[in-house]
Amino acid sequence: MTGPRSPVPTHQEMATSLSAEATRALGGASRPGRAGDAIFRRLATTAALAVLGVLAGVAVFLAVEALPAVTADSARLPEGKGLVEYIGPLAFGTALAALIAVVVAVPLAVAVALFISHIAPRRLALALGYVVDLLAAIPSIVYGLWGIFVLGPASVGASRWLADNLGFIPFFEGPASATGRTMLVAGLVLAVMILPIVSAVAREVFAQTPRRLQEGALALGATRWEMIRMVVLPFGRSAVISGAMLGLGRALGETMAVTIILSVSGVITLNLISSSNPSTIAANIALDFPESSGLAINALIASGLVLFAITLAVNVAARAVIARRASGEGAG
């Protein structure tokens, strides 16, 4: 007589058992991966927090060191000026030089980026791209020497012509500098220095313009320029803006090139071709810091705090433009 027969598992029970075994097997196999993900996440978080900590530490240091100059009597500060009166012309000169650089560099950088990405033959585009990127590797002091010995003397004739023919415009009021050490030359040198930054950002985005949009525009009868104007430029508009703002941040903090070129007088003026020029914050710190002491150092650090705030605001704005572009692409 046989014992009771064991129940035969149904198809659903067998599927459930196999699924449980597969889950256990996969879970055991993926535990090392999950542990690696957790370690990577912690390391990445630590690195991000470290960067924020360094940034906050710099801000706190500048604020603490600038506080004595903020609270001190104006008679004890450099040249007997109040802190606003001392930093104001420097901030104005910084913004003016950077603005000239952006106005000159951005159109040229966009044109170079379009030529490399959509017009030039492949071999020429690669070579030209390397040359443009190489401009970013040249030390700023070399740019300064080029500006004072080459561009400055070459600009004297043009400055005199501008003063004689366009002197009614405040920018070219004159008298023209005889040495070429002017705010205009400093701005042009800064434009050459930031051109690789703007061009690289714009070139990468222009090259990513969807091929179907370009071919569709050409198929509808658009010329190459019309296709670039209606498809490529709108697609890369935010990249041009963000690249320009990154270049602006670079120009705001430039030191050696501006220090070498500018003939400063500490005035606030829009005249770009005369020998009376406002200095920039970075150049002023580089020139005065070695011989300063006491409250003079605190005043220089206070001006550095203003430059830090301006540069941080520009870079935050640039990142906001890039983030908005990314979110717009995700929504599309």
Protein backbone atom coordinates (compact mmCIF):
# COMPACT_ATOMS: atom_id res chain seq x y z
CA MET A 1 0.00 0.00 0.00
CA THR A 2 1.50 3.23 -1.07
CA GLY A 3 1.64 6.41 1.02
CA PRO A 4 -0.14 9.65 0.21
CA ARG A 5 0.95 11.13 -3.08
CA SER A 6 2.77 14.50 -2.88
CA PRO A 7 0.79 17.30 -4.46
CA VAL A 8 1.96 18.30 -7.91
CA PRO A 9 2.88 22.03 -8.06
CA THR A 10 0.79 24.09 -10.41
CA HIS A 11 2.24 26.23 -13.20
CA GLN A 12 1.70 29.39 -11.15
CA GLU A 13 3.55 27.93 -8.15
CA MET A 14 6.45 26.87 -10.36
CA ALA A 15 6.66 30.33 -11.94
CA THR A 16 6.61 31.98 -8.52
CA SER A 17 9.39 29.67 -7.26
CA LEU A 18 11.57 30.30 -10.31
CA SER A 19 11.01 34.07 -10.02
CA ALA A 20 12.05 34.01 -6.35
CA GLU A 21 15.19 32.02 -7.14
CA ALA A 22 16.07 34.38 -10.00
CA THR A 23 15.54 37.39 -7.76
CA ARG A 24 17.80 35.94 -5.09
CA ALA A 25 20.46 35.13 -7.67
CA LEU A 26 20.32 38.56 -9.25
CA GLY A 27 20.29 40.24 -5.87
CA GLY A 28 23.37 38.34 -4.79
CA ALA A 29 25.11 39.17 -8.06
CA SER A 30 24.26 42.88 -7.92
CA ARG A 31 25.26 43.50 -4.32
CA PRO A 32 28.87 44.38 -5.26
CA GLY A 33 27.53 46.74 -7.92
CA ARG A 34 25.19 48.35 -5.43
CA ALA A 35 28.04 48.76 -2.98
CA GLY A 36 30.13 50.39 -5.70
CA ASP A 37 27.26 52.73 -6.54
CA ALA A 38 26.97 53.75 -2.91
CA ILE A 39 30.71 54.40 -2.63
CA PHE A 40 30.72 56.41 -5.83
CA ARG A 41 27.72 58.42 -4.69
CA ARG A 42 29.40 59.24 -1.38
CA LEU A 43 32.66 60.24 -3.09
CA ALA A 44 30.85 62.45 -5.60
CA THR A 45 28.81 64.07 -2.84
CA THR A 46 31.96 64.67 -0.78
CA ALA A 47 33.72 66.25 -3.76
CA ALA A 48 30.77 68.54 -4.46
CA LEU A 49 30.53 69.58 -0.81
CA ALA A 50 34.29 70.16 -0.72
CA VAL A 51 34.06 72.55 -3.66
CA LEU A 52 31.20 74.42 -2.01
CA GLY A 53 33.18 74.47 1.23
CA VAL A 54 36.24 75.96 -0.47
CA LEU A 55 34.06 78.57 -2.17
CA ALA A 56 32.38 79.47 1.12
CA GLY A 57 35.77 79.57 2.84
CA VAL A 58 37.11 82.04 0.28
CA ALA A 59 34.04 84.23 0.70
CA VAL A 60 34.28 84.16 4.49
CA PHE A 61 38.01 84.94 4.41
CA LEU A 62 37.49 87.91 2.10
CA ALA A 63 34.59 89.22 4.18
CA VAL A 64 36.50 88.91 7.47
CA GLU A 65 39.65 90.53 6.10
CA ALA A 66 37.67 93.32 4.40
CA LEU A 67 35.69 94.19 7.53
CA PRO A 68 38.36 96.50 9.05
CA ALA A 69 38.39 98.58 5.87
CA VAL A 70 34.59 98.73 5.84
CA THR A 71 34.41 100.01 9.42
CA ALA A 72 37.50 102.26 9.30
CA ASP A 73 37.44 106.01 8.89
CA SER A 74 37.93 107.12 5.28
CA ALA A 75 40.96 109.24 6.23
CA ARG A 76 42.89 106.09 7.15
CA LEU A 77 42.20 104.35 3.84
CA PRO A 78 44.44 104.66 0.74
CA GLU A 79 44.51 108.20 -0.68
CA GLY A 80 42.17 109.30 2.10
CA LYS A 81 39.14 108.14 0.13
CA GLY A 82 36.06 106.31 1.34
CA LEU A 83 35.81 102.66 0.44
CA VAL A 84 33.11 103.24 -2.18
CA GLU A 85 35.08 106.10 -3.70
CA TYR A 86 38.18 103.89 -3.75
CA ILE A 87 36.59 100.76 -5.24
CA GLY A 88 34.10 102.50 -7.55
CA PRO A 89 36.55 103.51 -10.30
CA LEU A 90 38.21 100.10 -10.12
CA ALA A 91 34.90 98.28 -10.51
CA PHE A 92 33.99 100.61 -13.39
CA GLY A 93 37.29 99.93 -15.16
CA THR A 94 36.87 96.19 -14.64
CA ALA A 95 33.38 96.19 -16.12
CA LEU A 96 34.38 98.48 -19.02
CA ALA A 97 37.38 96.39 -20.10
CA ALA A 98 35.38 93.16 -19.85
CA LEU A 99 32.46 94.67 -21.78
CA ILE A 100 34.74 95.77 -24.63
CA ALA A 101 36.19 92.25 -24.74
CA VAL A 102 32.77 90.61 -24.93
CA VAL A 103 31.43 93.01 -27.56
CA VAL A 104 34.43 92.34 -29.80
CA ALA A 105 34.99 88.64 -29.08
CA VAL A 106 31.46 87.19 -29.22
CA PRO A 107 30.62 88.03 -32.88
CA LEU A 108 34.08 86.93 -34.00
CA ALA A 109 33.89 83.73 -31.96
CA VAL A 110 30.45 82.87 -33.35
CA ALA A 111 31.69 83.45 -36.90
CA VAL A 112 34.73 81.24 -36.29
CA ALA A 113 32.55 78.53 -34.72
CA LEU A 114 30.14 78.56 -37.68
CA PHE A 115 33.00 78.41 -40.18
CA ILE A 116 34.58 75.44 -38.41
CA SER A 117 31.36 73.51 -37.84
CA HIS A 118 29.42 74.15 -41.07
CA ILE A 119 31.51 75.75 -43.80
CA ALA A 120 35.17 74.74 -43.76
CA PRO A 121 36.37 71.41 -45.24
CA ARG A 122 36.97 68.75 -42.61
CA ARG A 123 40.78 68.93 -42.62
CA LEU A 124 40.82 72.71 -42.50
CA ALA A 125 38.17 72.71 -39.78
CA LEU A 126 40.22 70.36 -37.61
CA ALA A 127 43.39 72.40 -38.04
CA LEU A 128 41.63 75.70 -37.40
CA GLY A 129 39.90 74.26 -34.35
CA TYR A 130 43.27 73.24 -32.88
CA VAL A 131 44.72 76.69 -33.57
CA VAL A 132 41.79 78.49 -31.94
CA ASP A 133 41.92 76.21 -28.91
CA LEU A 134 45.67 76.80 -28.70
CA LEU A 135 45.02 80.48 -28.02
CA ALA A 136 43.71 79.51 -24.58
CA ALA A 137 47.08 77.97 -23.69
CA ILE A 138 49.11 81.15 -24.22
CA PRO A 139 50.05 82.80 -20.87
CA SER A 140 48.35 86.10 -20.15
CA ILE A 141 51.66 87.91 -19.71
CA VAL A 142 52.53 87.04 -23.33
CA TYR A 143 49.26 88.64 -24.41
CA GLY A 144 50.19 91.69 -22.35
CA LEU A 145 53.58 91.99 -24.01
CA TRP A 146 51.96 91.60 -27.43
CA GLY A 147 49.49 94.32 -26.54
CA ILE A 148 52.06 96.84 -25.34
CA PHE A 149 54.71 96.27 -28.01
CA VAL A 150 52.62 95.39 -31.08
CA LEU A 151 48.93 96.23 -30.79
CA GLY A 152 49.41 99.42 -28.77
CA PRO A 153 51.78 101.20 -31.20
CA ALA A 154 49.74 99.94 -34.15
CA SER A 155 46.59 101.50 -32.68
CA VAL A 156 47.99 105.02 -32.34
CA GLY A 157 47.10 106.04 -35.90
CA ALA A 158 43.60 104.61 -35.62
CA SER A 159 43.09 106.35 -32.27
CA ARG A 160 44.07 109.71 -33.76
CA TRP A 161 41.67 109.17 -36.65
CA LEU A 162 38.87 108.31 -34.26
CA ALA A 163 39.59 111.41 -32.16
CA ASP A 164 39.64 113.65 -35.25
CA ASN A 165 36.56 112.24 -36.96
CA LEU A 166 34.42 110.75 -34.19
CA GLY A 167 35.47 112.92 -31.28
CA PHE A 168 31.86 113.93 -30.65
CA ILE A 169 31.25 110.40 -29.33
CA PRO A 170 32.30 110.12 -25.66
CA PHE A 171 34.17 106.87 -26.35
CA PHE A 172 36.54 108.59 -28.81
CA GLU A 173 36.71 112.05 -27.29
CA GLY A 174 40.51 112.11 -27.11
CA PRO A 175 43.13 113.37 -27.01
CA ALA A 176 44.53 110.16 -28.42
CA SER A 177 47.29 108.47 -26.47
CA ALA A 178 50.73 108.65 -28.04
CA THR A 179 51.75 105.25 -26.67
CA GLY A 180 48.64 103.16 -27.32
CA ARG A 181 48.31 102.16 -23.65
CA THR A 182 44.57 102.68 -23.61
CA MET A 183 41.44 100.97 -22.41
CA LEU A 184 40.57 100.13 -26.01
CA VAL A 185 43.80 98.19 -26.50
CA ALA A 186 43.32 96.41 -23.17
CA GLY A 187 39.79 95.43 -24.21
CA LEU A 188 41.00 94.12 -27.57
CA VAL A 189 43.68 92.00 -25.91
CA LEU A 190 41.08 90.59 -23.52
CA ALA A 191 38.86 89.85 -26.52
CA VAL A 192 41.59 87.69 -28.07
CA MET A 193 42.07 85.94 -24.73
CA ILE A 194 38.40 84.98 -24.27
CA LEU A 195 37.74 84.16 -27.92
CA PRO A 196 38.73 80.45 -27.52
CA ILE A 197 36.28 80.03 -24.62
CA VAL A 198 33.30 81.47 -26.47
CA SER A 199 34.23 79.75 -29.72
CA ALA A 200 34.66 76.31 -28.11
CA VAL A 201 31.25 76.43 -26.39
CA ALA A 202 29.46 77.69 -29.51
CA ARG A 203 31.26 75.26 -31.83
CA GLU A 204 30.30 72.20 -29.81
CA VAL A 205 26.62 73.14 -29.74
CA PHE A 206 26.49 74.22 -33.40
CA ALA A 207 27.91 70.81 -34.36
CA GLN A 208 25.08 69.11 -32.44
CA THR A 209 22.31 70.80 -34.44
CA PRO A 210 19.99 67.96 -35.58
CA ARG A 211 20.88 66.91 -39.09
CA ARG A 212 17.24 66.43 -40.05
CA LEU A 213 16.48 70.09 -39.30
CA GLN A 214 19.37 71.28 -41.45
CA GLU A 215 18.49 68.97 -44.33
CA GLY A 216 14.83 69.91 -44.04
CA ALA A 217 15.65 73.61 -44.35
CA LEU A 218 17.86 72.96 -47.38
CA ALA A 219 15.20 70.74 -48.94
CA LEU A 220 12.68 73.57 -48.63
CA GLY A 221 14.93 75.79 -50.73
CA ALA A 222 16.93 77.65 -48.09
CA THR A 223 20.49 78.62 -48.87
CA ARG A 224 23.29 77.60 -46.54
CA TRP A 225 23.30 81.01 -44.85
CA GLU A 226 19.50 80.93 -44.49
CA MET A 227 19.73 77.45 -42.98
CA ILE A 228 22.37 78.68 -40.50
CA ARG A 229 20.31 81.77 -39.64
CA MET A 230 17.00 79.94 -39.22
CA VAL A 231 18.17 76.60 -37.76
CA VAL A 232 21.73 76.60 -36.39
CA LEU A 233 21.81 79.99 -34.69
CA PRO A 234 18.46 79.56 -32.88
CA PHE A 235 19.52 76.08 -31.77
CA GLY A 236 22.79 77.39 -30.32
CA ARG A 237 21.55 80.73 -28.99
CA SER A 238 21.76 79.76 -25.33
CA ALA A 239 25.23 78.28 -25.90
CA VAL A 240 26.42 81.58 -27.33
CA ILE A 241 24.96 83.42 -24.35
CA SER A 242 26.48 81.06 -21.81
CA GLY A 243 29.85 81.08 -23.60
CA ALA A 244 29.81 84.87 -23.66
CA MET A 245 29.11 84.97 -19.92
CA LEU A 246 31.90 82.50 -19.22
CA GLY A 247 34.23 84.64 -21.30
CA LEU A 248 33.02 87.70 -19.41
CA GLY A 249 33.93 86.02 -16.14
CA ARG A 250 37.39 85.29 -17.53
CA ALA A 251 37.87 88.89 -18.65
CA LEU A 252 36.72 90.29 -15.30
CA GLY A 253 39.48 88.49 -13.43
CA GLU A 254 42.38 89.04 -15.85
CA THR A 255 45.39 90.59 -14.14
CA MET A 256 48.77 90.59 -15.86
CA ALA A 257 47.76 91.59 -19.39
CA VAL A 258 45.76 94.57 -18.13
CA THR A 259 48.47 95.51 -15.63
CA ILE A 260 51.10 95.66 -18.36
CA ILE A 261 49.01 97.53 -20.92
CA LEU A 262 46.98 100.15 -19.09
CA SER A 263 48.26 103.60 -18.26
CA VAL A 264 46.02 104.26 -15.26
CA SER A 265 44.99 107.51 -13.60
CA GLY A 266 42.19 106.38 -11.28
CA VAL A 267 39.40 108.27 -13.03
CA ILE A 268 35.96 107.23 -14.22
CA THR A 269 35.74 107.98 -17.93
CA LEU A 270 34.21 106.48 -21.06
CA ASN A 271 37.08 107.78 -23.19
CA LEU A 272 38.70 104.65 -24.62
CA ILE A 273 41.62 106.17 -26.53
CA SER A 274 43.20 108.64 -24.10
CA SER A 275 46.05 108.07 -21.66
CA SER A 276 43.71 108.65 -18.68
CA ASN A 277 42.20 105.26 -17.90
CA PRO A 278 40.53 103.68 -14.90
CA SER A 279 42.35 100.65 -13.56
CA THR A 280 40.75 97.27 -12.89
CA ILE A 281 40.38 95.57 -9.53
CA ALA A 282 42.69 92.68 -10.36
CA ALA A 283 45.38 94.93 -11.86
CA ASN A 284 45.22 97.32 -8.91
CA ILE A 285 45.67 94.47 -6.42
CA ALA A 286 48.63 93.12 -8.38
CA LEU A 287 50.30 96.54 -8.48
CA ASP A 288 49.66 97.74 -4.91
CA PHE A 289 49.62 94.62 -2.75
CA PRO A 290 53.42 94.10 -2.44
CA GLU A 291 53.95 97.57 -0.96
CA SER A 292 50.78 97.80 1.13
CA SER A 293 50.32 97.24 4.85
CA GLY A 294 47.68 97.67 7.53
CA LEU A 295 44.34 99.04 6.34
CA ALA A 296 45.66 99.37 2.80
CA ILE A 297 45.76 95.57 2.58
CA ASN A 298 42.24 95.36 4.02
CA ALA A 299 41.04 97.84 1.39
CA LEU A 300 42.62 95.76 -1.38
CA ILE A 301 40.95 92.63 0.01
CA ALA A 302 37.64 94.51 0.09
CA SER A 303 38.04 95.28 -3.59
CA GLY A 304 38.84 91.61 -4.13
CA LEU A 305 35.58 90.74 -2.38
CA VAL A 306 33.71 92.97 -4.84
CA LEU A 307 35.46 91.24 -7.76
CA PHE A 308 34.63 87.85 -6.25
CA ALA A 309 30.96 88.81 -6.02
CA ILE A 310 30.86 90.12 -9.60
CA THR A 311 32.59 87.06 -11.03
CA LEU A 312 30.43 84.67 -9.01
CA ALA A 313 27.27 86.41 -10.19
CA VAL A 314 28.39 86.17 -13.83
CA ASN A 315 29.23 82.47 -13.57
CA VAL A 316 26.01 81.65 -11.72
CA ALA A 317 24.07 83.42 -14.47
CA ALA A 318 25.97 81.42 -17.09
CA ARG A 319 25.16 78.14 -15.36
CA ALA A 320 21.51 79.19 -15.10
CA VAL A 321 21.38 79.75 -18.86
CA ILE A 322 22.98 76.35 -19.52
CA ALA A 323 20.59 74.63 -17.09
CA ARG A 324 17.58 76.29 -18.68
CA ARG A 325 18.78 75.15 -22.09
CA ALA A 326 19.17 71.59 -20.82
CA SER A 327 15.70 71.59 -19.26
CA GLY A 328 14.22 72.98 -22.49
CA GLU A 329 15.82 70.18 -24.51
CA GLY A 330 14.49 67.64 -22.04
CA ALA A 331 10.99 69.02 -22.33
CA GLY A 332 11.25 68.99 -26.12
